[in-house]
Amino acid sequence: MNCFKKSSLRISGAKLQSYPEYHFDIQLEKQNYQIINGTVYVQDHKPCAGAVVQITQINCRDNTRSLLGYTLTDENGYYLFSIKAKAHMNYELAVYASLL
């Protein structure tokens, strides 16, 4: 099965059986993405669950800023972004405390 950028694969839970095995061959198109990940801690060095991490792209040529997105930290304070980084851009992370 070939999967391209806008393709998806859905399997209804009602159609899955407890014994049969399902095998899929999926070909992913090579992409030039980078992973940015880390852990957010509070002052006493404990992981901060539910913090918001925001990533902004800054154009080095004219200093324009573009918000790329947000993610939340998990129960261990871990976050992850996947971005298509560009050579003439800088990236800024901002972290906002959990409201929980």
PDB file of N, CA and C in Angstrom:
ATOM      1  N   MET A   1       0.847  -1.166   0.000  1.00  0.00           N
ATOM      2  CA  MET A   1       0.000   0.000   0.000  1.00  0.00           C
ATOM      3  C   MET A   1       0.895   1.232   0.000  1.00  0.00           C
ATOM      4  N   ASN A   2       0.683   2.120  -0.938  1.00  0.00           N
ATOM      5  CA  ASN A   2       1.434   3.367  -0.990  1.00  0.00           C
ATOM      6  C   ASN A   2       0.635   4.460  -0.313  1.00  0.00           C
ATOM      7  N   CYS A   3       1.275   5.203   0.551  1.00  0.00           N
ATOM      8  CA  CYS A   3       0.629   6.328   1.220  1.00  0.00           C
ATOM      9  C   CYS A   3       1.411   7.577   0.875  1.00  0.00           C
ATOM     10  N   PHE A   4       0.742   8.559   0.378  1.00  0.00           N
ATOM     11  CA  PHE A   4       1.377   9.815   0.042  1.00  0.00           C
ATOM     12  C   PHE A   4       0.884  10.887   0.978  1.00  0.00           C
ATOM     13  N   LYS A   5       1.332  12.112   0.766  1.00  0.00           N
ATOM     14  CA  LYS A   5       1.104  13.209   1.697  1.00  0.00           C
ATOM     15  C   LYS A   5      -0.325  13.291   2.232  1.00  0.00           C
ATOM     16  N   LYS A   6      -1.321  13.229   1.363  1.00  0.00           N
ATOM     17  CA  LYS A   6      -2.684  13.476   1.814  1.00  0.00           C
ATOM     18  C   LYS A   6      -3.494  12.188   1.939  1.00  0.00           C
ATOM     19  N   SER A   7      -2.821  11.057   1.960  1.00  0.00           N
ATOM     20  CA  SER A   7      -3.510   9.781   2.108  1.00  0.00           C
ATOM     21  C   SER A   7      -3.591   9.408   3.575  1.00  0.00           C
ATOM     22  N   SER A   8      -4.551   8.596   3.896  1.00  0.00           N
ATOM     23  CA  SER A   8      -4.654   8.101   5.263  1.00  0.00           C
ATOM     24  C   SER A   8      -5.174   6.676   5.238  1.00  0.00           C
ATOM     25  N   LEU A   9      -4.982   5.994   6.332  1.00  0.00           N
ATOM     26  CA  LEU A   9      -5.416   4.618   6.476  1.00  0.00           C
ATOM     27  C   LEU A   9      -6.286   4.540   7.713  1.00  0.00           C
ATOM     28  N   ARG A  10      -7.490   4.044   7.553  1.00  0.00           N
ATOM     29  CA  ARG A  10      -8.390   3.910   8.698  1.00  0.00           C
ATOM     30  C   ARG A  10      -8.850   2.462   8.803  1.00  0.00           C
ATOM     31  N   ILE A  11      -8.852   1.969  10.009  1.00  0.00           N
ATOM     32  CA  ILE A  11      -9.352   0.627  10.278  1.00  0.00           C
ATOM     33  C   ILE A  11     -10.371   0.758  11.391  1.00  0.00           C
ATOM     34  N   SER A  12     -11.571   0.348  11.122  1.00  0.00           N
ATOM     35  CA  SER A  12     -12.626   0.432  12.126  1.00  0.00           C
ATOM     36  C   SER A  12     -12.393  -0.620  13.196  1.00  0.00           C
ATOM     37  N   GLY A  13     -12.503  -0.210  14.454  1.00  0.00           N
ATOM     38  CA  GLY A  13     -12.304  -1.130  15.568  1.00  0.00           C
ATOM     39  C   GLY A  13     -13.250  -2.314  15.526  1.00  0.00           C
ATOM     40  N   ALA A  14     -14.460  -2.109  15.010  1.00  0.00           N
ATOM     41  CA  ALA A  14     -15.444  -3.182  14.942  1.00  0.00           C
ATOM     42  C   ALA A  14     -15.015  -4.266  13.954  1.00  0.00           C
ATOM     43  N   LYS A  15     -14.153  -3.930  13.008  1.00  0.00           N
ATOM     44  CA  LYS A  15     -13.729  -4.893  11.998  1.00  0.00           C
ATOM     45  C   LYS A  15     -12.481  -5.665  12.409  1.00  0.00           C
ATOM     46  N   LEU A  16     -11.848  -5.271  13.498  1.00  0.00           N
ATOM     47  CA  LEU A  16     -10.654  -5.971  13.957  1.00  0.00           C
ATOM     48  C   LEU A  16     -11.049  -7.201  14.763  1.00  0.00           C
ATOM     49  N   GLN A  17     -10.383  -8.294  14.503  1.00  0.00           N
ATOM     50  CA  GLN A  17     -10.627  -9.526  15.238  1.00  0.00           C
ATOM     51  C   GLN A  17      -9.494  -9.720  16.241  1.00  0.00           C
ATOM     52  N   SER A  18      -9.743 -10.508  17.263  1.00  0.00           N
ATOM     53  CA  SER A  18      -8.730 -10.694  18.291  1.00  0.00           C
ATOM     54  C   SER A  18      -7.566 -11.569  17.829  1.00  0.00           C
ATOM     55  N   TYR A  19      -7.771 -12.467  16.882  1.00  0.00           N
ATOM     56  CA  TYR A  19      -6.711 -13.385  16.487  1.00  0.00           C
ATOM     57  C   TYR A  19      -5.989 -13.010  15.189  1.00  0.00           C
ATOM     58  N   PRO A  20      -6.681 -12.638  14.117  1.00  0.00           N
ATOM     59  CA  PRO A  20      -5.980 -12.380  12.850  1.00  0.00           C
ATOM     60  C   PRO A  20      -4.955 -11.254  12.972  1.00  0.00           C
ATOM     61  N   GLU A  21      -3.921 -11.361  12.159  1.00  0.00           N
ATOM     62  CA  GLU A  21      -2.906 -10.317  12.105  1.00  0.00           C
ATOM     63  C   GLU A  21      -3.101  -9.520  10.828  1.00  0.00           C
ATOM     64  N   TYR A  22      -2.881  -8.235  10.934  1.00  0.00           N
ATOM     65  CA  TYR A  22      -2.960  -7.352   9.781  1.00  0.00           C
ATOM     66  C   TYR A  22      -1.571  -6.790   9.528  1.00  0.00           C
ATOM     67  N   HIS A  23      -1.095  -6.900   8.305  1.00  0.00           N
ATOM     68  CA  HIS A  23       0.219  -6.389   7.939  1.00  0.00           C
ATOM     69  C   HIS A  23       0.040  -5.359   6.834  1.00  0.00           C
ATOM     70  N   PHE A  24       0.720  -4.241   6.981  1.00  0.00           N
ATOM     71  CA  PHE A  24       0.633  -3.178   5.992  1.00  0.00           C
ATOM     72  C   PHE A  24       2.034  -2.759   5.587  1.00  0.00           C
ATOM     73  N   ASP A  25       2.239  -2.588   4.308  1.00  0.00           N
ATOM     74  CA  ASP A  25       3.481  -2.014   3.800  1.00  0.00           C
ATOM     75  C   ASP A  25       3.178  -0.569   3.447  1.00  0.00           C
ATOM     76  N   ILE A  26       3.824   0.340   4.151  1.00  0.00           N
ATOM     77  CA  ILE A  26       3.582   1.764   3.932  1.00  0.00           C
ATOM     78  C   ILE A  26       4.882   2.405   3.491  1.00  0.00           C
ATOM     79  N   GLN A  27       4.829   3.120   2.395  1.00  0.00           N
ATOM     80  CA  GLN A  27       6.001   3.843   1.910  1.00  0.00           C
ATOM     81  C   GLN A  27       5.794   5.321   2.205  1.00  0.00           C
ATOM     82  N   LEU A  28       6.722   5.891   2.933  1.00  0.00           N
ATOM     83  CA  LEU A  28       6.642   7.305   3.264  1.00  0.00           C
ATOM     84  C   LEU A  28       7.583   8.090   2.366  1.00  0.00           C
ATOM     85  N   GLU A  29       7.083   9.198   1.862  1.00  0.00           N
ATOM     86  CA  GLU A  29       7.913  10.068   1.040  1.00  0.00           C
ATOM     87  C   GLU A  29       8.964  10.723   1.919  1.00  0.00           C
ATOM     88  N   LYS A  30      10.195  10.758   1.436  1.00  0.00           N
ATOM     89  CA  LYS A  30      11.272  11.366   2.214  1.00  0.00           C
ATOM     90  C   LYS A  30      10.987  12.855   2.400  1.00  0.00           C
ATOM     91  N   GLN A  31      11.064  13.299   3.621  1.00  0.00           N
ATOM     92  CA  GLN A  31      10.835  14.698   3.959  1.00  0.00           C
ATOM     93  C   GLN A  31      12.067  15.240   4.664  1.00  0.00           C
ATOM     94  N   ASN A  32      12.217  16.531   4.641  1.00  0.00           N
ATOM     95  CA  ASN A  32      13.354  17.168   5.296  1.00  0.00           C
ATOM     96  C   ASN A  32      12.859  17.887   6.552  1.00  0.00           C
ATOM     97  N   TYR A  33      12.503  17.111   7.567  1.00  0.00           N
ATOM     98  CA  TYR A  33      11.984  17.672   8.808  1.00  0.00           C
ATOM     99  C   TYR A  33      12.984  17.481   9.941  1.00  0.00           C
ATOM    100  N   GLN A  34      12.927  18.362  10.892  1.00  0.00           N
ATOM    101  CA  GLN A  34      13.761  18.257  12.079  1.00  0.00           C
ATOM    102  C   GLN A  34      12.855  18.078  13.290  1.00  0.00           C
ATOM    103  N   ILE A  35      13.357  17.369  14.268  1.00  0.00           N
ATOM    104  CA  ILE A  35      12.637  17.155  15.518  1.00  0.00           C
ATOM    105  C   ILE A  35      13.245  18.064  16.577  1.00  0.00           C
ATOM    106  N   ILE A  36      12.382  18.804  17.254  1.00  0.00           N
ATOM    107  CA  ILE A  36      12.795  19.616  18.401  1.00  0.00           C
ATOM    108  C   ILE A  36      12.065  19.037  19.599  1.00  0.00           C
ATOM    109  N   ASN A  37      12.815  18.606  20.598  1.00  0.00           N
ATOM    110  CA  ASN A  37      12.172  18.045  21.777  1.00  0.00           C
ATOM    111  C   ASN A  37      12.928  18.465  23.022  1.00  0.00           C
ATOM    112  N   GLY A  38      12.291  18.271  24.150  1.00  0.00           N
ATOM    113  CA  GLY A  38      12.926  18.627  25.409  1.00  0.00           C
ATOM    114  C   GLY A  38      12.011  18.334  26.575  1.00  0.00           C
ATOM    115  N   THR A  39      12.433  18.753  27.734  1.00  0.00           N
ATOM    116  CA  THR A  39      11.660  18.558  28.956  1.00  0.00           C
ATOM    117  C   THR A  39      11.586  19.882  29.692  1.00  0.00           C
ATOM    118  N   VAL A  40      10.394  20.208  30.177  1.00  0.00           N
ATOM    119  CA  VAL A  40      10.175  21.428  30.958  1.00  0.00           C
ATOM    120  C   VAL A  40      10.115  21.029  32.430  1.00  0.00           C
ATOM    121  N   TYR A  41      10.866  21.751  33.245  1.00  0.00           N
ATOM    122  CA  TYR A  41      10.898  21.495  34.683  1.00  0.00           C
ATOM    123  C   TYR A  41      10.425  22.730  35.437  1.00  0.00           C
ATOM    124  N   VAL A  42       9.858  22.521  36.628  1.00  0.00           N
ATOM    125  CA  VAL A  42       9.534  23.620  37.530  1.00  0.00           C
ATOM    126  C   VAL A  42      10.770  23.897  38.383  1.00  0.00           C
ATOM    127  N   GLN A  43      10.697  24.912  39.248  1.00  0.00           N
ATOM    128  CA  GLN A  43      11.870  25.359  39.999  1.00  0.00           C
ATOM    129  C   GLN A  43      12.525  24.277  40.847  1.00  0.00           C
ATOM    130  N   ASP A  44      11.758  23.352  41.391  1.00  0.00           N
ATOM    131  CA  ASP A  44      12.352  22.306  42.233  1.00  0.00           C
ATOM    132  C   ASP A  44      12.809  21.088  41.414  1.00  0.00           C
ATOM    133  N   HIS A  45      13.023  21.283  40.119  1.00  0.00           N
ATOM    134  CA  HIS A  45      13.543  20.268  39.198  1.00  0.00           C
ATOM    135  C   HIS A  45      12.603  19.081  39.010  1.00  0.00           C
ATOM    136  N   LYS A  46      11.314  19.301  39.206  1.00  0.00           N
ATOM    137  CA  LYS A  46      10.315  18.274  38.910  1.00  0.00           C
ATOM    138  C   LYS A  46       9.736  18.569  37.529  1.00  0.00           C
ATOM    139  N   PRO A  47       9.381  17.526  36.759  1.00  0.00           N
ATOM    140  CA  PRO A  47       8.798  17.746  35.436  1.00  0.00           C
ATOM    141  C   PRO A  47       7.501  18.542  35.527  1.00  0.00           C
ATOM    142  N   CYS A  48       7.282  19.407  34.556  1.00  0.00           N
ATOM    143  CA  CYS A  48       6.095  20.263  34.526  1.00  0.00           C
ATOM    144  C   CYS A  48       5.100  19.710  33.509  1.00  0.00           C
ATOM    145  N   ALA A  49       4.096  18.997  33.979  1.00  0.00           N
ATOM    146  CA  ALA A  49       3.062  18.438  33.110  1.00  0.00           C
ATOM    147  C   ALA A  49       2.081  19.532  32.706  1.00  0.00           C
ATOM    148  N   GLY A  50       1.647  19.503  31.447  1.00  0.00           N
ATOM    149  CA  GLY A  50       0.618  20.429  30.975  1.00  0.00           C
ATOM    150  C   GLY A  50       1.110  21.820  30.618  1.00  0.00           C
ATOM    151  N   ALA A  51       2.415  22.041  30.580  1.00  0.00           N
ATOM    152  CA  ALA A  51       2.937  23.348  30.155  1.00  0.00           C
ATOM    153  C   ALA A  51       2.731  23.497  28.647  1.00  0.00           C
ATOM    154  N   VAL A  52       2.561  24.728  28.203  1.00  0.00           N
ATOM    155  CA  VAL A  52       2.404  25.009  26.780  1.00  0.00           C
ATOM    156  C   VAL A  52       3.757  25.452  26.227  1.00  0.00           C
ATOM    157  N   VAL A  53       4.193  24.816  25.152  1.00  0.00           N
ATOM    158  CA  VAL A  53       5.426  25.207  24.474  1.00  0.00           C
ATOM    159  C   VAL A  53       5.027  25.717  23.088  1.00  0.00           C
ATOM    160  N   GLN A  54       5.413  26.951  22.806  1.00  0.00           N
ATOM    161  CA  GLN A  54       5.060  27.614  21.549  1.00  0.00           C
ATOM    162  C   GLN A  54       6.316  27.753  20.696  1.00  0.00           C
ATOM    163  N   ILE A  55       6.193  27.516  19.396  1.00  0.00           N
ATOM    164  CA  ILE A  55       7.337  27.707  18.497  1.00  0.00           C
ATOM    165  C   ILE A  55       6.997  28.771  17.463  1.00  0.00           C
ATOM    166  N   THR A  56       7.925  29.721  17.304  1.00  0.00           N
ATOM    167  CA  THR A  56       7.768  30.826  16.365  1.00  0.00           C
ATOM    168  C   THR A  56       8.953  30.820  15.410  1.00  0.00           C
ATOM    169  N   GLN A  57       8.663  31.055  14.146  1.00  0.00           N
ATOM    170  CA  GLN A  57       9.699  31.142  13.117  1.00  0.00           C
ATOM    171  C   GLN A  57      10.002  32.618  12.866  1.00  0.00           C
ATOM    172  N   ILE A  58      11.286  32.985  12.827  1.00  0.00           N
ATOM    173  CA  ILE A  58      11.693  34.376  12.625  1.00  0.00           C
ATOM    174  C   ILE A  58      12.556  34.453  11.369  1.00  0.00           C
ATOM    175  N   ASN A  59      12.116  35.264  10.411  1.00  0.00           N
ATOM    176  CA  ASN A  59      12.849  35.436   9.166  1.00  0.00           C
ATOM    177  C   ASN A  59      14.071  36.312   9.422  1.00  0.00           C
ATOM    178  N   CYS A  60      15.260  35.805   9.122  1.00  0.00           N
ATOM    179  CA  CYS A  60      16.505  36.550   9.361  1.00  0.00           C
ATOM    180  C   CYS A  60      16.650  37.754   8.439  1.00  0.00           C
ATOM    181  N   ARG A  61      15.983  37.735   7.301  1.00  0.00           N
ATOM    182  CA  ARG A  61      16.117  38.818   6.321  1.00  0.00           C
ATOM    183  C   ARG A  61      15.356  40.071   6.734  1.00  0.00           C
ATOM    184  N   ASP A  62      14.119  39.890   7.189  1.00  0.00           N
ATOM    185  CA  ASP A  62      13.305  41.071   7.519  1.00  0.00           C
ATOM    186  C   ASP A  62      12.741  41.044   8.939  1.00  0.00           C
ATOM    187  N   ASN A  63      13.129  40.058   9.718  1.00  0.00           N
ATOM    188  CA  ASN A  63      12.731  39.927  11.125  1.00  0.00           C
ATOM    189  C   ASN A  63      11.227  39.696  11.331  1.00  0.00           C
ATOM    190  N   THR A  64      10.516  39.246  10.294  1.00  0.00           N
ATOM    191  CA  THR A  64       9.095  38.933  10.467  1.00  0.00           C
ATOM    192  C   THR A  64       8.964  37.632  11.242  1.00  0.00           C
ATOM    193  N   ARG A  65       7.904  37.548  12.020  1.00  0.00           N
ATOM    194  CA  ARG A  65       7.666  36.400  12.892  1.00  0.00           C
ATOM    195  C   ARG A  65       6.394  35.681  12.456  1.00  0.00           C
ATOM    196  N   SER A  66       6.447  34.354  12.478  1.00  0.00           N
ATOM    197  CA  SER A  66       5.285  33.534  12.149  1.00  0.00           C
ATOM    198  C   SER A  66       5.124  32.455  13.212  1.00  0.00           C
ATOM    199  N   LEU A  67       3.966  32.427  13.829  1.00  0.00           N
ATOM    200  CA  LEU A  67       3.674  31.388  14.813  1.00  0.00           C
ATOM    201  C   LEU A  67       3.471  30.071  14.074  1.00  0.00           C
ATOM    202  N   LEU A  68       4.256  29.057  14.429  1.00  0.00           N
ATOM    203  CA  LEU A  68       4.136  27.747  13.792  1.00  0.00           C
ATOM    204  C   LEU A  68       3.197  26.821  14.545  1.00  0.00           C
ATOM    205  N   GLY A  69       3.116  26.966  15.870  1.00  0.00           N
ATOM    206  CA  GLY A  69       2.214  26.101  16.610  1.00  0.00           C
ATOM    207  C   GLY A  69       2.550  25.981  18.079  1.00  0.00           C
ATOM    208  N   TYR A  70       1.763  25.148  18.735  1.00  0.00           N
ATOM    209  CA  TYR A  70       1.873  24.900  20.173  1.00  0.00           C
ATOM    210  C   TYR A  70       1.890  23.397  20.403  1.00  0.00           C
ATOM    211  N   THR A  71       2.421  23.012  21.532  1.00  0.00           N
ATOM    212  CA  THR A  71       2.273  21.643  22.004  1.00  0.00           C
ATOM    213  C   THR A  71       2.203  21.686  23.524  1.00  0.00           C
ATOM    214  N   LEU A  72       1.671  20.645  24.114  1.00  0.00           N
ATOM    215  CA  LEU A  72       1.594  20.533  25.573  1.00  0.00           C
ATOM    216  C   LEU A  72       2.598  19.497  26.045  1.00  0.00           C
ATOM    217  N   THR A  73       3.162  19.720  27.221  1.00  0.00           N
ATOM    218  CA  THR A  73       4.052  18.716  27.795  1.00  0.00           C
ATOM    219  C   THR A  73       3.224  17.566  28.368  1.00  0.00           C
ATOM    220  N   ASP A  74       3.805  16.381  28.356  1.00  0.00           N
ATOM    221  CA  ASP A  74       3.124  15.224  28.932  1.00  0.00           C
ATOM    222  C   ASP A  74       3.361  15.176  30.442  1.00  0.00           C
ATOM    223  N   GLU A  75       2.986  14.074  31.077  1.00  0.00           N
ATOM    224  CA  GLU A  75       3.105  13.960  32.538  1.00  0.00           C
ATOM    225  C   GLU A  75       4.558  13.990  33.015  1.00  0.00           C
ATOM    226  N   ASN A  76       5.496  13.764  32.094  1.00  0.00           N
ATOM    227  CA  ASN A  76       6.925  13.815  32.426  1.00  0.00           C
ATOM    228  C   ASN A  76       7.580  15.126  32.005  1.00  0.00           C
ATOM    229  N   GLY A  77       6.772  16.104  31.588  1.00  0.00           N
ATOM    230  CA  GLY A  77       7.293  17.395  31.158  1.00  0.00           C
ATOM    231  C   GLY A  77       7.873  17.395  29.749  1.00  0.00           C
ATOM    232  N   TYR A  78       7.699  16.306  29.016  1.00  0.00           N
ATOM    233  CA  TYR A  78       8.307  16.141  27.693  1.00  0.00           C
ATOM    234  C   TYR A  78       7.447  16.780  26.606  1.00  0.00           C
ATOM    235  N   TYR A  79       8.101  17.420  25.641  1.00  0.00           N
ATOM    236  CA  TYR A  79       7.409  17.974  24.476  1.00  0.00           C
ATOM    237  C   TYR A  79       8.187  17.612  23.217  1.00  0.00           C
ATOM    238  N   LEU A  80       7.511  17.712  22.059  1.00  0.00           N
ATOM    239  CA  LEU A  80       8.139  17.395  20.788  1.00  0.00           C
ATOM    240  C   LEU A  80       7.468  18.192  19.679  1.00  0.00           C
ATOM    241  N   PHE A  81       8.263  18.755  18.786  1.00  0.00           N
ATOM    242  CA  PHE A  81       7.798  19.405  17.564  1.00  0.00           C
ATOM    243  C   PHE A  81       8.491  18.747  16.386  1.00  0.00           C
ATOM    244  N   SER A  82       7.826  18.720  15.255  1.00  0.00           N
ATOM    245  CA  SER A  82       8.448  18.359  13.994  1.00  0.00           C
ATOM    246  C   SER A  82       8.254  19.553  13.071  1.00  0.00           C
ATOM    247  N   ILE A  83       9.357  20.112  12.585  1.00  0.00           N
ATOM    248  CA  ILE A  83       9.257  21.284  11.713  1.00  0.00           C
ATOM    249  C   ILE A  83      10.117  21.083  10.476  1.00  0.00           C
ATOM    250  N   LYS A  84       9.756  21.788   9.428  1.00  0.00           N
ATOM    251  CA  LYS A  84      10.581  21.822   8.224  1.00  0.00           C
ATOM    252  C   LYS A  84      11.429  23.084   8.339  1.00  0.00           C
ATOM    253  N   ALA A  85      12.599  22.948   8.935  1.00  0.00           N
ATOM    254  CA  ALA A  85      13.468  24.093   9.198  1.00  0.00           C
ATOM    255  C   ALA A  85      14.043  24.635   7.896  1.00  0.00           C
ATOM    256  N   LYS A  86      14.177  25.948   7.850  1.00  0.00           N
ATOM    257  CA  LYS A  86      14.709  26.628   6.669  1.00  0.00           C
ATOM    258  C   LYS A  86      15.978  27.370   7.057  1.00  0.00           C
ATOM    259  N   ALA A  87      16.921  27.443   6.119  1.00  0.00           N
ATOM    260  CA  ALA A  87      18.241  28.008   6.405  1.00  0.00           C
ATOM    261  C   ALA A  87      18.201  29.478   6.794  1.00  0.00           C
ATOM    262  N   HIS A  88      17.301  30.258   6.232  1.00  0.00           N
ATOM    263  CA  HIS A  88      17.265  31.696   6.507  1.00  0.00           C
ATOM    264  C   HIS A  88      16.289  32.060   7.631  1.00  0.00           C
ATOM    265  N   MET A  89      15.979  31.090   8.466  1.00  0.00           N
ATOM    266  CA  MET A  89      15.041  31.310   9.569  1.00  0.00           C
ATOM    267  C   MET A  89      15.688  30.967  10.907  1.00  0.00           C
ATOM    268  N   ASN A  90      15.263  31.678  11.938  1.00  0.00           N
ATOM    269  CA  ASN A  90      15.575  31.319  13.319  1.00  0.00           C
ATOM    270  C   ASN A  90      14.288  30.825  13.954  1.00  0.00           C
ATOM    271  N   TYR A  91      14.419  30.087  15.049  1.00  0.00           N
ATOM    272  CA  TYR A  91      13.253  29.532  15.721  1.00  0.00           C
ATOM    273  C   TYR A  91      13.319  29.876  17.195  1.00  0.00           C
ATOM    274  N   GLU A  92      12.180  30.278  17.734  1.00  0.00           N
ATOM    275  CA  GLU A  92      12.102  30.700  19.134  1.00  0.00           C
ATOM    276  C   GLU A  92      11.060  29.854  19.851  1.00  0.00           C
ATOM    277  N   LEU A  93      11.426  29.344  21.010  1.00  0.00           N
ATOM    278  CA  LEU A  93      10.481  28.608  21.848  1.00  0.00           C
ATOM    279  C   LEU A  93      10.092  29.483  23.028  1.00  0.00           C
ATOM    280  N   ALA A  94       8.807  29.494  23.345  1.00  0.00           N
ATOM    281  CA  ALA A  94       8.309  30.171  24.542  1.00  0.00           C
ATOM    282  C   ALA A  94       7.543  29.132  25.345  1.00  0.00           C
ATOM    283  N   VAL A  95       7.739  29.126  26.647  1.00  0.00           N
ATOM    284  CA  VAL A  95       7.085  28.139  27.514  1.00  0.00           C
ATOM    285  C   VAL A  95       6.169  28.866  28.476  1.00  0.00           C
ATOM    286  N   TYR A  96       4.935  28.387  28.580  1.00  0.00           N
ATOM    287  CA  TYR A  96       3.940  28.955  29.479  1.00  0.00           C
ATOM    288  C   TYR A  96       3.576  27.909  30.523  1.00  0.00           C
ATOM    289  N   ALA A  97       3.506  28.318  31.760  1.00  0.00           N
ATOM    290  CA  ALA A  97       3.239  27.403  32.874  1.00  0.00           C
ATOM    291  C   ALA A  97       1.886  26.726  32.721  1.00  0.00           C
ATOM    292  N   SER A  98       1.800  25.549  33.262  1.00  0.00           N
ATOM    293  CA  SER A  98       0.556  24.791  33.261  1.00  0.00           C
ATOM    294  C   SER A  98      -0.500  25.505  34.088  1.00  0.00           C
ATOM    295  N   LEU A  99      -1.736  25.443  33.641  1.00  0.00           N
ATOM    296  CA  LEU A  99      -2.844  26.026  34.393  1.00  0.00           C
ATOM    297  C   LEU A  99      -3.446  25.023  35.362  1.00  0.00           C
ATOM    298  N   LEU A 100      -2.941  23.814  35.339  1.00  0.00           N
ATOM    299  CA  LEU A 100      -3.478  22.758  36.209  1.00  0.00           C
ATOM    300  C   LEU A 100      -2.917  22.855  37.600  1.00  0.00           C
TER     301      LEU A 100
END
